[in-house]
Amino acid sequence: MKNTLLLNKDEQITLFLLATLNNDILVNGMTADNMQTLKDLQSELLCIVQKYATVI
């Protein structure tokens, strides 16, 4: 992954996992595993949004 000034490595990984999950949902539909993964990522995604909402 490319280093950026705004996103740290953990945030980049979280967003990459979300993109991978979104692709899986589009291909396979919403499954119980996908729902659990969304729940697991939810708090990390919220932290990213809150961190960068003030930048905008």
N, C-alpha and C. Protein backbone atom coordinates (compact mmCIF):
# COMPACT_ATOMS: atom_id res chain seq x y z
N MET A 1 0.83 -1.18 0.00
CA MET A 1 0.00 0.00 0.00
C MET A 1 0.87 1.25 0.00
N LYS A 2 0.37 2.25 -0.66
CA LYS A 2 1.08 3.51 -0.76
C LYS A 2 0.88 4.32 0.52
N ASN A 3 1.95 4.89 1.05
CA ASN A 3 1.84 5.74 2.23
C ASN A 3 1.18 7.06 1.85
N THR A 4 0.30 7.54 2.69
CA THR A 4 -0.35 8.83 2.47
C THR A 4 -0.14 9.70 3.70
N LEU A 5 -0.36 10.98 3.52
CA LEU A 5 -0.21 11.91 4.64
C LEU A 5 -1.40 11.85 5.58
N LEU A 6 -2.58 11.53 5.05
CA LEU A 6 -3.78 11.58 5.87
C LEU A 6 -4.10 10.27 6.57
N LEU A 7 -3.92 9.15 5.89
CA LEU A 7 -4.31 7.86 6.46
C LEU A 7 -3.10 7.10 6.98
N ASN A 8 -3.21 6.60 8.21
CA ASN A 8 -2.13 5.75 8.71
C ASN A 8 -2.35 4.32 8.19
N LYS A 9 -1.43 3.46 8.47
CA LYS A 9 -1.47 2.10 7.93
C LYS A 9 -2.73 1.34 8.36
N ASP A 10 -3.12 1.45 9.63
CA ASP A 10 -4.33 0.76 10.12
C ASP A 10 -5.58 1.26 9.40
N GLU A 11 -5.66 2.56 9.17
CA GLU A 11 -6.82 3.11 8.48
C GLU A 11 -6.86 2.65 7.03
N GLN A 12 -5.71 2.58 6.40
CA GLN A 12 -5.64 2.09 5.02
C GLN A 12 -6.11 0.64 4.95
N ILE A 13 -5.67 -0.16 5.88
CA ILE A 13 -6.06 -1.58 5.91
C ILE A 13 -7.57 -1.70 6.13
N THR A 14 -8.12 -0.90 7.04
CA THR A 14 -9.56 -0.93 7.30
C THR A 14 -10.34 -0.60 6.04
N LEU A 15 -9.94 0.44 5.33
CA LEU A 15 -10.65 0.83 4.11
C LEU A 15 -10.47 -0.21 3.01
N PHE A 16 -9.31 -0.84 2.94
CA PHE A 16 -9.09 -1.92 1.98
C PHE A 16 -10.01 -3.10 2.28
N LEU A 17 -10.12 -3.45 3.56
CA LEU A 17 -11.02 -4.55 3.95
C LEU A 17 -12.47 -4.22 3.62
N LEU A 18 -12.86 -2.98 3.81
CA LEU A 18 -14.23 -2.58 3.48
C LEU A 18 -14.46 -2.69 1.98
N ALA A 19 -13.51 -2.25 1.19
CA ALA A 19 -13.65 -2.35 -0.27
C ALA A 19 -13.76 -3.81 -0.71
N THR A 20 -12.96 -4.67 -0.11
CA THR A 20 -13.02 -6.10 -0.41
C THR A 20 -14.38 -6.67 -0.01
N LEU A 21 -14.87 -6.27 1.15
CA LEU A 21 -16.18 -6.72 1.61
C LEU A 21 -17.28 -6.24 0.68
N ASN A 22 -17.22 -4.98 0.26
CA ASN A 22 -18.23 -4.45 -0.65
C ASN A 22 -18.27 -5.25 -1.94
N ASN A 23 -17.11 -5.61 -2.46
CA ASN A 23 -17.04 -6.43 -3.66
C ASN A 23 -17.68 -7.79 -3.42
N ASP A 24 -17.40 -8.39 -2.29
CA ASP A 24 -17.97 -9.70 -1.95
C ASP A 24 -19.49 -9.62 -1.85
N ILE A 25 -19.99 -8.54 -1.27
CA ILE A 25 -21.45 -8.37 -1.15
C ILE A 25 -22.07 -8.22 -2.54
N LEU A 26 -21.42 -7.47 -3.43
CA LEU A 26 -21.95 -7.31 -4.77
C LEU A 26 -21.98 -8.63 -5.54
N VAL A 27 -20.96 -9.46 -5.33
CA VAL A 27 -20.86 -10.74 -6.04
C VAL A 27 -21.78 -11.79 -5.42
N ASN A 28 -21.75 -11.91 -4.10
CA ASN A 28 -22.43 -13.02 -3.42
C ASN A 28 -23.68 -12.62 -2.66
N GLY A 29 -23.97 -11.34 -2.56
CA GLY A 29 -25.11 -10.89 -1.76
C GLY A 29 -24.73 -10.82 -0.29
N MET A 30 -25.65 -10.33 0.50
CA MET A 30 -25.40 -10.20 1.93
C MET A 30 -25.53 -11.56 2.60
N THR A 31 -24.45 -11.99 3.21
CA THR A 31 -24.45 -13.27 3.92
C THR A 31 -24.23 -13.00 5.41
N ALA A 32 -24.39 -14.02 6.21
CA ALA A 32 -24.16 -13.87 7.65
C ALA A 32 -22.70 -13.48 7.91
N ASP A 33 -21.78 -14.05 7.17
CA ASP A 33 -20.36 -13.71 7.33
C ASP A 33 -20.11 -12.25 6.99
N ASN A 34 -20.72 -11.78 5.89
CA ASN A 34 -20.55 -10.38 5.50
C ASN A 34 -21.13 -9.45 6.55
N MET A 35 -22.26 -9.82 7.10
CA MET A 35 -22.89 -8.99 8.14
C MET A 35 -21.99 -8.90 9.37
N GLN A 36 -21.39 -10.01 9.75
CA GLN A 36 -20.49 -10.01 10.90
C GLN A 36 -19.26 -9.15 10.63
N THR A 37 -18.72 -9.23 9.43
CA THR A 37 -17.56 -8.42 9.07
C THR A 37 -17.90 -6.94 9.12
N LEU A 38 -19.08 -6.58 8.63
CA LEU A 38 -19.52 -5.18 8.72
C LEU A 38 -19.60 -4.72 10.16
N LYS A 39 -20.15 -5.56 11.02
CA LYS A 39 -20.23 -5.22 12.44
C LYS A 39 -18.84 -5.04 13.04
N ASP A 40 -17.90 -5.90 12.65
CA ASP A 40 -16.53 -5.82 13.17
C ASP A 40 -15.83 -4.54 12.72
N LEU A 41 -16.09 -4.10 11.50
CA LEU A 41 -15.44 -2.91 10.95
C LEU A 41 -16.13 -1.61 11.36
N GLN A 42 -17.33 -1.69 11.87
CA GLN A 42 -18.14 -0.51 12.12
C GLN A 42 -17.46 0.53 13.02
N SER A 43 -16.92 0.12 14.13
CA SER A 43 -16.31 1.10 15.04
C SER A 43 -15.04 1.71 14.46
N GLU A 44 -14.25 0.90 13.75
CA GLU A 44 -13.04 1.43 13.12
C GLU A 44 -13.39 2.44 12.03
N LEU A 45 -14.43 2.14 11.25
CA LEU A 45 -14.86 3.07 10.20
C LEU A 45 -15.39 4.36 10.79
N LEU A 46 -16.13 4.26 11.87
CA LEU A 46 -16.65 5.45 12.53
C LEU A 46 -15.51 6.35 13.02
N CYS A 47 -14.47 5.75 13.56
CA CYS A 47 -13.30 6.53 14.02
C CYS A 47 -12.64 7.26 12.86
N ILE A 48 -12.52 6.59 11.71
CA ILE A 48 -11.91 7.22 10.54
C ILE A 48 -12.76 8.40 10.09
N VAL A 49 -14.07 8.20 10.01
CA VAL A 49 -14.98 9.27 9.57
C VAL A 49 -14.91 10.45 10.54
N GLN A 50 -14.94 10.19 11.83
CA GLN A 50 -14.88 11.27 12.81
C GLN A 50 -13.56 12.01 12.74
N LYS A 51 -12.48 11.30 12.53
CA LYS A 51 -11.15 11.93 12.46
C LYS A 51 -11.06 12.89 11.29
N TYR A 52 -11.60 12.48 10.14
CA TYR A 52 -11.44 13.29 8.94
C TYR A 52 -12.62 14.22 8.67
N ALA A 53 -13.68 14.08 9.40
CA ALA A 53 -14.81 14.99 9.23
C ALA A 53 -14.40 16.41 9.63
N THR A 54 -13.52 16.53 10.61
CA THR A 54 -13.08 17.85 11.03
C THR A 54 -12.14 18.48 10.01
N VAL A 55 -11.44 17.66 9.22
CA VAL A 55 -10.54 18.17 8.19
C VAL A 55 -11.34 18.86 7.10
N ILE A 56 -12.47 18.26 6.74
CA ILE A 56 -13.29 18.79 5.67
C ILE A 56 -14.03 20.02 6.18
